């Protein structure tokens, strides 16, 4: 298969490494490969190099890639919309290979069952699991930095808070935090790690404080003796959470912490590659996560469950949507083909929580929807589908689901920001021009 290194380093490795399927053609429809013979393969590769060296294009429909030498012998690449299948950078943080998600080489199944969120934060930032004293120090630092400047909290009261989506409020609040950090522009390694601690800690406070202030309640100060997941639940409700609630929320945080080069993570890396500050990078990432094609699916899943109302209505509701070509939120994934490995952990937690509350209908409705959609469309559920009923069972407002996503994912954003700073190069891709040819300016009187 055509790979990025072949494209980057020129036609010699391209000639030596590329394996061409039978459907590879140039733009005139000429077939480039005959895979049933060695001579045919060599001919195909030679033809490919010929097309490139004469500034013509070859297209690879199996990966949506076109290559050409356009100026000064440099090889350029264009792709299908959305950069699907494109490897845009190298990273040691997380990977998705053969439908397996790993954080620094640790399988998400292993981490979801055994790790605390703080352990995962340390893992993502340091590329190794913490020792006992290191974990204790991280927990201490996070708890000590959860307090937010009163000016930032007061800003929530300066706009019509009940008409503002929490993601918009969070985006603005994180940007505002940067104004109150005297080290915001200090790009030293020590200062950046300090900002990482502050951002991870204060994200929990911002989301919980917003959730309370809009209800006319005062924010709740964190307790230093509580862990990150427990503190979030405490600051949101004002009551120390039960063990099952902490377990569920911790698991959700672990599962959402990082996900390779998703839209918000890529946004953060593009931003800080200009050597902008960490607050700008996280603010940009929140802006990307705010979009409904990235974050927000779990909120829409819960809205759908509320509309359905009961198990008896699932069949007719879902089949009507499918018949009308309406997308069922929480199913399918851009990268996973056999299923999202995170979904099963939230499925199990949804079952436990709904049974504990005597509200099994949310889980039962969800499994019935899964059965229909998977059977009809061969689309397995993703991480958003069962997280909806998990968060609902924890009495979390539905429009806080995506901000909670951000509370977890900021750990991954920060890891990628630190990695980008450590080995930086400005991210500046090219665009394939599709507009009109050269034109001459016409005065306004003659248009």
Protein backbone atom coordinates (compact mmCIF):
# COMPACT_ATOMS: atom_id res chain seq x y z
CA UNK A 1 0.00 0.00 0.00
CA UNK A 2 1.15 3.53 -0.71
CA UNK A 3 2.59 4.97 2.50
CA UNK A 4 3.51 8.43 3.70
CA UNK A 5 7.24 7.72 3.83
CA UNK A 6 7.25 6.65 0.19
CA UNK A 7 5.58 9.90 -0.78
CA UNK A 8 7.77 12.04 1.45
CA UNK A 9 11.14 10.70 0.39
CA UNK A 10 10.68 10.42 -3.34
CA UNK A 11 10.16 7.99 -6.14
CA UNK A 12 12.88 5.43 -5.36
CA UNK A 13 11.13 3.97 -2.27
CA UNK A 14 7.88 4.47 -4.14
CA UNK A 15 9.18 2.21 -6.90
CA UNK A 16 10.53 -0.36 -4.44
CA UNK A 17 7.61 -0.49 -1.97
CA UNK A 18 4.32 0.34 -3.65
CA UNK A 19 1.98 -2.58 -4.31
CA UNK A 20 -0.70 -1.64 -6.80
CA UNK A 21 -4.19 -3.17 -6.84
CA UNK A 22 -5.79 -3.82 -10.20
CA UNK A 23 -8.04 -0.75 -9.99
CA UNK A 24 -5.21 1.80 -9.88
CA UNK A 25 -5.46 4.04 -12.95
CA UNK A 26 -4.25 7.38 -14.15
CA UNK A 27 -6.77 10.16 -14.73
CA UNK A 28 -7.22 9.11 -18.35
CA UNK A 29 -8.42 5.69 -17.24
CA UNK A 30 -5.28 3.80 -18.22
CA UNK A 31 -4.80 0.74 -16.02
CA UNK A 32 -1.43 0.76 -14.26
CA UNK A 33 -1.13 -2.74 -12.84
CA UNK A 34 -1.26 -6.39 -13.75
CA UNK A 35 -0.76 -8.16 -10.47
CA UNK A 36 -0.63 -11.69 -11.89
CA UNK A 37 3.00 -11.39 -13.00
CA UNK A 38 6.27 -9.93 -11.75
CA UNK A 39 6.82 -8.16 -15.06
CA UNK A 40 3.34 -6.69 -14.78
CA UNK A 41 4.07 -5.32 -11.31
CA UNK A 42 7.36 -3.79 -12.40
CA UNK A 43 5.67 -2.30 -15.44
CA UNK A 44 2.98 -0.79 -13.24
CA UNK A 45 5.53 0.80 -10.93
CA UNK A 46 7.56 2.13 -13.83
CA UNK A 47 4.42 3.62 -15.36
CA UNK A 48 3.61 5.23 -12.01
CA UNK A 49 7.02 6.88 -11.82
CA UNK A 50 6.66 7.99 -15.44
CA UNK A 51 3.36 9.69 -14.69
CA UNK A 52 4.82 11.39 -11.64
CA UNK A 53 8.00 12.56 -13.38
CA UNK A 54 6.02 14.06 -16.26
CA UNK A 55 3.92 16.09 -13.82
CA UNK A 56 0.89 13.93 -14.40
CA UNK A 57 -1.25 12.40 -11.70
CA UNK A 58 -2.01 8.86 -10.67
CA UNK A 59 -4.98 8.11 -8.44
CA UNK A 60 -5.25 5.40 -5.80
CA UNK A 61 -8.97 4.87 -5.16
CA UNK A 62 -8.35 2.26 -2.48
CA UNK A 63 -6.90 4.94 -0.17
CA UNK A 64 -8.13 8.10 -1.90
CA UNK A 65 -4.61 9.37 -2.63
CA UNK A 66 -3.16 11.10 -5.67
CA UNK A 67 0.54 11.86 -6.06
CA UNK A 68 2.48 14.10 -8.43
CA UNK A 69 5.77 15.94 -8.79
CA UNK A 70 4.72 19.51 -9.39
CA UNK A 71 7.61 21.83 -8.65
CA UNK A 72 11.36 21.41 -8.17
CA UNK A 73 11.06 17.64 -8.00
CA UNK A 74 9.04 17.60 -4.76
CA UNK A 75 6.32 15.00 -4.46
CA UNK A 76 2.93 16.32 -3.37
CA UNK A 77 -0.11 14.44 -2.23
CA UNK A 78 -3.81 15.21 -2.26
CA UNK A 79 -6.51 13.16 -0.62
CA UNK A 80 -10.22 12.71 -0.33
CA UNK A 81 -12.29 14.99 1.89
CA UNK A 82 -11.68 14.76 5.60
CA UNK A 83 -8.10 13.48 5.27
CA UNK A 84 -9.39 9.95 5.86
CA UNK A 85 -6.55 7.44 6.03
CA UNK A 86 -3.85 10.12 6.03
CA UNK A 87 -1.03 9.82 8.57
CA UNK A 88 -0.39 13.46 9.46
CA UNK A 89 2.19 13.10 12.23
CA UNK A 90 4.09 10.65 14.41
CA UNK A 91 3.05 10.28 18.05
CA UNK A 92 3.97 8.09 21.02
CA UNK A 93 0.78 8.84 22.95
CA UNK A 94 -2.03 6.62 21.69
CA UNK A 95 -2.77 4.38 18.74
CA UNK A 96 -5.65 2.66 16.98
CA UNK A 97 -4.47 -0.48 15.20
CA UNK A 98 -6.78 -3.29 14.09
CA UNK A 99 -9.62 -1.82 16.17
CA UNK A 100 -7.46 -1.88 19.31
CA UNK A 101 -7.00 1.38 21.22
CA UNK A 102 -3.86 1.75 23.32
CA UNK A 103 -2.46 4.54 25.48
CA UNK A 104 1.35 4.41 25.30
CA UNK A 105 1.11 0.71 24.50
CA UNK A 106 -1.42 -0.17 27.23
CA UNK A 107 -4.64 -1.71 25.93
CA UNK A 108 -7.70 0.37 26.79
CA UNK A 109 -9.38 -2.80 28.08
CA UNK A 110 -6.61 -3.16 30.66
CA UNK A 111 -6.71 0.50 31.69
CA UNK A 112 -10.50 0.71 31.87
CA UNK A 113 -10.61 -2.12 34.40
CA UNK A 114 -7.54 -1.30 36.48
CA UNK A 115 -6.42 2.33 36.20
CA UNK A 116 -7.44 5.51 37.96
CA UNK A 117 -7.88 8.60 35.82
CA UNK A 118 -4.88 10.21 37.51
CA UNK A 119 -2.73 7.24 36.49
CA UNK A 120 -3.86 7.72 32.89
CA UNK A 121 -3.09 11.44 33.03
CA UNK A 122 0.43 10.67 34.23
CA UNK A 123 0.81 7.95 31.59
CA UNK A 124 -0.20 10.27 28.75
CA UNK A 125 2.03 13.11 29.93
CA UNK A 126 5.12 11.05 30.83
CA UNK A 127 4.74 7.97 28.58
CA UNK A 128 4.92 5.63 31.58
CA UNK A 129 2.77 4.65 34.53
CA UNK A 130 3.54 6.50 37.78
CA UNK A 131 5.15 5.04 40.86
CA UNK A 132 3.25 5.31 44.12
CA UNK A 133 4.89 8.56 45.25
CA UNK A 134 4.55 10.11 41.78
CA UNK A 135 0.84 9.31 41.67
CA UNK A 136 0.34 10.76 45.14
CA UNK A 137 2.12 13.95 44.10
CA UNK A 138 0.02 14.32 40.95
CA UNK A 139 -3.20 13.86 42.93
CA UNK A 140 -2.00 16.46 45.43
CA UNK A 141 -1.14 18.95 42.69
CA UNK A 142 -4.47 18.50 40.90
CA UNK A 143 -6.50 18.96 44.09
CA UNK A 144 -4.44 22.02 45.07
CA UNK A 145 -4.98 23.71 41.70
CA UNK A 146 -8.73 23.26 41.26
CA UNK A 147 -9.60 26.72 42.55
CA UNK A 148 -10.58 29.13 39.76
CA UNK A 149 -10.12 32.93 39.88
CA UNK A 150 -13.34 34.52 41.13
CA UNK A 151 -13.34 36.82 38.10
CA UNK A 152 -13.70 33.80 35.82
CA UNK A 153 -16.61 32.40 37.84
CA UNK A 154 -18.24 35.83 37.97
CA UNK A 155 -18.04 36.00 34.18
CA UNK A 156 -20.68 33.24 34.04
CA UNK A 157 -23.14 35.75 35.48
CA UNK A 158 -22.46 38.45 32.88
CA UNK A 159 -24.39 36.79 30.04
CA UNK A 160 -27.78 35.05 29.80
CA UNK A 161 -26.45 31.85 31.32
CA UNK A 162 -29.54 29.75 30.67
CA UNK A 163 -29.35 30.54 26.95
CA UNK A 164 -25.67 29.67 26.57
CA UNK A 165 -24.53 26.14 25.81
CA UNK A 166 -22.03 24.93 28.41
CA UNK A 167 -19.45 24.23 25.69
CA UNK A 168 -19.51 27.86 24.63
CA UNK A 169 -19.13 28.91 28.26
CA UNK A 170 -16.26 26.46 28.78
CA UNK A 171 -14.43 27.62 25.66
CA UNK A 172 -14.62 31.25 26.79
CA UNK A 173 -13.72 30.46 30.39
CA UNK A 174 -10.56 28.55 29.44
CA UNK A 175 -9.44 31.46 27.29
CA UNK A 176 -10.13 33.78 30.22
CA UNK A 177 -8.07 31.58 32.55
CA UNK A 178 -5.01 32.41 30.48
CA UNK A 179 -5.36 36.08 31.38
CA UNK A 180 -4.94 35.24 35.07
CA UNK A 181 -1.90 33.00 34.67
CA UNK A 182 1.31 35.00 34.89
CA UNK A 183 3.15 32.14 33.17
CA UNK A 184 0.74 31.86 30.25
CA UNK A 185 3.35 33.05 27.74
CA UNK A 186 6.32 31.29 29.36
CA UNK A 187 7.19 28.43 27.00
CA UNK A 188 9.74 26.72 29.23
CA UNK A 189 9.23 23.03 29.98
CA UNK A 190 8.67 23.76 33.67
CA UNK A 191 6.09 26.47 32.98
CA UNK A 192 4.24 24.32 30.46
CA UNK A 193 3.97 21.45 32.92
CA UNK A 194 2.61 23.88 35.51
CA UNK A 195 -0.02 25.04 33.02
CA UNK A 196 -0.88 21.44 32.27
CA UNK A 197 -1.63 20.80 35.95
CA UNK A 198 -3.69 23.99 36.22
CA UNK A 199 -5.75 23.30 33.12
CA UNK A 200 -6.49 19.68 34.01
CA UNK A 201 -7.47 20.68 37.54
CA UNK A 202 -9.54 23.75 36.70
CA UNK A 203 -11.52 22.17 33.87
CA UNK A 204 -13.45 20.14 36.45
CA UNK A 205 -14.21 23.27 38.46
CA UNK A 206 -15.33 25.28 35.45
CA UNK A 207 -17.85 22.66 34.31
CA UNK A 208 -19.28 21.97 37.76
CA UNK A 209 -19.42 25.65 38.71
CA UNK A 210 -21.26 26.54 35.51
CA UNK A 211 -23.73 23.73 36.13
CA UNK A 212 -24.49 25.08 39.62
CA UNK A 213 -24.45 28.82 38.94
CA UNK A 214 -27.09 28.56 36.22
CA UNK A 215 -29.36 26.88 38.78
CA UNK A 216 -28.84 29.69 41.27
CA UNK A 217 -26.47 27.61 43.40
CA UNK A 218 -23.03 28.58 44.65
CA UNK A 219 -19.99 26.67 43.39
CA UNK A 220 -18.68 23.98 45.72
CA UNK A 221 -15.00 24.03 46.68
CA UNK A 222 -13.10 20.78 46.09
CA UNK A 223 -11.87 18.52 48.88
CA UNK A 224 -8.17 17.77 48.77
CA UNK A 225 -8.68 14.26 50.13
CA UNK A 226 -10.89 13.26 47.18
CA UNK A 227 -9.60 11.94 43.87
CA UNK A 228 -10.32 13.66 40.56
CA UNK A 229 -13.47 11.69 39.66
CA UNK A 230 -14.89 11.93 43.18
CA UNK A 231 -14.12 15.64 43.40
CA UNK A 232 -15.94 16.32 40.14
CA UNK A 233 -19.07 14.57 41.38
CA UNK A 234 -18.80 16.32 44.74
CA UNK A 235 -18.39 19.78 43.20
CA UNK A 236 -21.34 19.12 40.90
CA UNK A 237 -23.81 17.84 43.51
CA UNK A 238 -22.49 19.17 46.82
CA UNK A 239 -22.52 15.64 48.24
CA UNK A 240 -19.74 13.08 48.41
CA UNK A 241 -20.55 10.46 45.76
CA UNK A 242 -21.15 6.78 46.35
CA UNK A 243 -18.45 4.31 45.42
CA UNK A 244 -20.32 3.04 42.35
CA UNK A 245 -20.69 6.60 41.04
CA UNK A 246 -16.96 7.25 41.44
CA UNK A 247 -16.14 3.96 39.72
CA UNK A 248 -18.45 4.76 36.81
CA UNK A 249 -17.22 8.31 36.35
CA UNK A 250 -13.56 7.31 36.67
CA UNK A 251 -14.08 4.65 33.99
CA UNK A 252 -15.71 7.19 31.68
CA UNK A 253 -12.80 9.60 32.18
CA UNK A 254 -10.26 6.87 31.41
CA UNK A 255 -12.09 5.80 28.25
CA UNK A 256 -12.33 9.35 26.86
CA UNK A 257 -8.81 10.56 27.76
CA UNK A 258 -7.19 10.27 24.33
CA UNK A 259 -7.99 8.95 20.90
CA UNK A 260 -5.06 9.37 18.55
CA UNK A 261 -5.39 12.27 16.09
CA UNK A 262 -9.08 13.14 16.39
CA UNK A 263 -10.40 16.51 15.22
CA UNK A 264 -9.94 18.41 18.49
CA UNK A 265 -6.50 16.94 19.16
CA UNK A 266 -5.35 17.80 15.64
CA UNK A 267 -6.74 21.31 16.15
CA UNK A 268 -4.73 21.69 19.35
CA UNK A 269 -1.54 20.53 17.64
CA UNK A 270 -2.03 22.84 14.66
CA UNK A 271 -2.58 25.76 17.04
CA UNK A 272 0.47 25.22 19.25
CA UNK A 273 2.67 24.35 16.27
CA UNK A 274 2.67 28.10 15.65
CA UNK A 275 4.21 28.34 19.17
CA UNK A 276 1.00 29.72 20.56
CA UNK A 277 0.44 29.15 24.28
CA UNK A 278 -1.22 26.14 25.90
CA UNK A 279 -4.40 28.03 26.81
CA UNK A 280 -4.85 28.90 23.14
CA UNK A 281 -4.33 25.28 22.14
CA UNK A 282 -6.91 23.98 24.61
CA UNK A 283 -9.37 26.74 23.72
CA UNK A 284 -9.05 25.82 20.04
CA UNK A 285 -9.57 22.15 20.87
CA UNK A 286 -12.74 22.93 22.81
CA UNK A 287 -14.00 24.87 19.81
CA UNK A 288 -13.51 21.78 17.65
CA UNK A 289 -15.11 19.45 20.20
CA UNK A 290 -18.12 21.76 20.38
CA UNK A 291 -19.11 20.78 16.83
CA UNK A 292 -21.82 18.10 16.66
CA UNK A 293 -19.78 15.92 14.29
CA UNK A 294 -17.14 15.47 17.01
CA UNK A 295 -18.64 15.98 20.46
CA UNK A 296 -22.29 16.05 21.41
CA UNK A 297 -23.39 12.64 20.15
CA UNK A 298 -24.02 11.29 23.65
CA UNK A 299 -26.29 14.24 24.40
CA UNK A 300 -28.24 13.44 21.23
CA UNK A 301 -28.43 9.77 22.21
CA UNK A 302 -30.08 10.68 25.51
CA UNK A 303 -32.45 13.02 23.70
CA UNK A 304 -33.43 10.11 21.45
CA UNK A 305 -33.99 7.80 24.42
CA UNK A 306 -36.20 10.41 26.07
CA UNK A 307 -38.22 10.79 22.85
CA UNK A 308 -38.73 7.02 22.57
CA UNK A 309 -39.86 6.89 26.17
CA UNK A 310 -40.37 3.15 26.62
CA UNK A 311 -39.11 -0.21 25.40
CA UNK A 312 -42.36 -0.81 23.50
CA UNK A 313 -41.70 2.20 21.25
CA UNK A 314 -38.14 1.31 20.26
CA UNK A 315 -38.91 -0.89 17.25
CA UNK A 316 -41.26 1.51 15.47
CA UNK A 317 -39.18 4.61 16.29
CA UNK A 318 -35.85 3.22 15.07
CA UNK A 319 -37.24 1.53 11.97
CA UNK A 320 -39.00 4.74 10.94
CA UNK A 321 -35.71 6.63 11.29
CA UNK A 322 -33.85 4.01 9.28
CA UNK A 323 -36.52 3.96 6.57
CA UNK A 324 -36.18 7.74 6.26
CA UNK A 325 -32.36 7.52 6.10
CA UNK A 326 -31.99 9.37 9.41
CA UNK A 327 -28.67 8.81 11.19
CA UNK A 328 -28.97 7.05 14.54
CA UNK A 329 -26.55 8.80 16.88
CA UNK A 330 -24.00 6.71 18.77
CA UNK A 331 -23.31 4.17 16.03
CA UNK A 332 -20.41 3.67 13.66
CA UNK A 333 -16.99 5.26 13.70
CA UNK A 334 -14.63 6.88 11.22
CA UNK A 335 -11.72 4.63 12.24
CA UNK A 336 -13.13 1.50 13.87
CA UNK A 337 -14.63 -1.06 11.51
CA UNK A 338 -15.42 -3.98 13.81
CA UNK A 339 -16.51 -1.92 16.79
CA UNK A 340 -15.38 0.69 19.30
CA UNK A 341 -13.47 -1.15 22.07
CA UNK A 342 -14.57 1.43 24.64
CA UNK A 343 -18.28 0.81 24.17
CA UNK A 344 -18.47 -2.54 25.99
CA UNK A 345 -17.13 -1.03 29.22
CA UNK A 346 -19.80 1.66 29.24
CA UNK A 347 -22.43 -0.89 28.26
CA UNK A 348 -21.61 -2.92 31.37
CA UNK A 349 -21.60 0.19 33.55
CA UNK A 350 -24.94 1.33 32.12
CA UNK A 351 -26.45 -2.02 33.10
CA UNK A 352 -25.14 -1.80 36.65
CA UNK A 353 -26.19 1.80 37.23
CA UNK A 354 -29.68 1.53 35.76
CA UNK A 355 -30.38 -1.63 37.75
CA UNK A 356 -29.17 0.05 40.93
CA UNK A 357 -31.52 2.99 40.35
CA UNK A 358 -34.46 0.83 39.27
CA UNK A 359 -34.40 2.49 35.85
CA UNK A 360 -33.48 -0.51 33.72
CA UNK A 361 -35.54 0.86 30.85
CA UNK A 362 -32.69 3.12 29.70
CA UNK A 363 -30.35 0.15 29.39
CA UNK A 364 -33.00 -2.13 27.92
CA UNK A 365 -33.99 0.48 25.34
CA UNK A 366 -30.34 0.97 24.44
CA UNK A 367 -29.67 -2.74 23.92
CA UNK A 368 -32.77 -3.04 21.76
CA UNK A 369 -31.67 -0.09 19.63
CA UNK A 370 -28.21 -1.67 19.34
CA UNK A 371 -29.74 -4.95 18.17
CA UNK A 372 -31.78 -3.26 15.44
CA UNK A 373 -29.12 -0.86 14.15
CA UNK A 374 -26.36 -3.46 14.21
CA UNK A 375 -28.59 -5.96 12.46
CA UNK A 376 -29.90 -3.57 9.81
CA UNK A 377 -26.85 -1.41 9.18
CA UNK A 378 -23.98 -3.50 10.53
CA UNK A 379 -22.97 -0.49 12.63
CA UNK A 380 -21.81 -1.30 16.17
CA UNK A 381 -22.22 1.26 18.98
CA UNK A 382 -19.42 3.69 19.70
CA UNK A 383 -18.27 5.27 22.96
CA UNK A 384 -21.07 7.85 22.88
CA UNK A 385 -23.98 5.43 22.86
CA UNK A 386 -23.85 3.91 26.33
CA UNK A 387 -22.12 6.90 27.94
CA UNK A 388 -25.48 8.68 27.57
CA UNK A 389 -27.34 6.36 29.95
CA UNK A 390 -24.30 6.22 32.26
CA UNK A 391 -24.20 10.00 32.70
CA UNK A 392 -27.99 10.20 32.97
CA UNK A 393 -27.89 7.61 35.75
CA UNK A 394 -25.36 9.80 37.57
CA UNK A 395 -27.89 12.68 37.52
CA UNK A 396 -25.74 14.78 35.20
CA UNK A 397 -27.53 17.39 33.08
CA UNK A 398 -27.63 16.26 29.47
CA UNK A 399 -26.00 19.38 28.06
CA UNK A 400 -23.00 18.77 30.35
CA UNK A 401 -22.18 15.48 28.62
CA UNK A 402 -19.86 17.09 26.06
CA UNK A 403 -18.14 19.38 28.61
CA UNK A 404 -17.41 16.22 30.62
CA UNK A 405 -15.88 14.78 27.44
CA UNK A 406 -13.61 17.84 27.46
CA UNK A 407 -12.75 17.40 31.15
CA UNK A 408 -11.35 13.98 30.28
CA UNK A 409 -9.93 14.73 26.82
CA UNK A 410 -7.97 17.76 28.01
CA UNK A 411 -5.49 15.23 29.42
CA UNK A 412 -4.91 13.95 25.89
CA UNK A 413 -4.89 17.43 24.37
CA UNK A 414 -2.19 18.46 26.83
CA UNK A 415 -0.14 15.34 26.10
CA UNK A 416 -0.23 16.12 22.38
CA UNK A 417 0.55 19.79 22.99
CA UNK A 418 3.61 18.86 25.07
CA UNK A 419 4.69 16.38 22.38
CA UNK A 420 4.27 19.02 19.68
CA UNK A 421 6.32 21.56 21.63
CA UNK A 422 9.09 18.99 22.17
CA UNK A 423 9.55 18.28 18.46
CA UNK A 424 7.88 21.15 16.69
CA UNK A 425 7.45 22.03 13.05
CA UNK A 426 4.80 24.41 11.76
CA UNK A 427 1.89 22.41 10.36
CA UNK A 428 1.28 23.86 6.91
CA UNK A 429 -0.38 21.50 4.40
CA UNK A 430 -1.24 22.43 0.82
CA UNK A 431 -4.64 22.72 -0.84
CA UNK A 432 -5.63 21.26 -4.19
CA UNK A 433 -6.96 24.24 -6.12
CA UNK A 434 -10.36 23.64 -7.76
CA UNK A 435 -11.26 27.19 -8.79
CA UNK A 436 -11.17 28.87 -12.23
CA UNK A 437 -8.00 29.31 -14.28
CA UNK A 438 -6.02 32.54 -14.58
CA UNK A 439 -8.23 35.60 -15.02
CA UNK A 440 -7.57 39.25 -15.72
CA UNK A 441 -8.89 42.04 -13.56
CA UNK A 442 -11.87 43.88 -15.06
CA UNK A 443 -12.72 47.37 -13.86
CA UNK A 444 -16.01 47.70 -12.02
CA UNK A 445 -17.51 49.75 -14.86
CA UNK A 446 -17.02 46.88 -17.30
CA UNK A 447 -18.24 43.95 -15.18
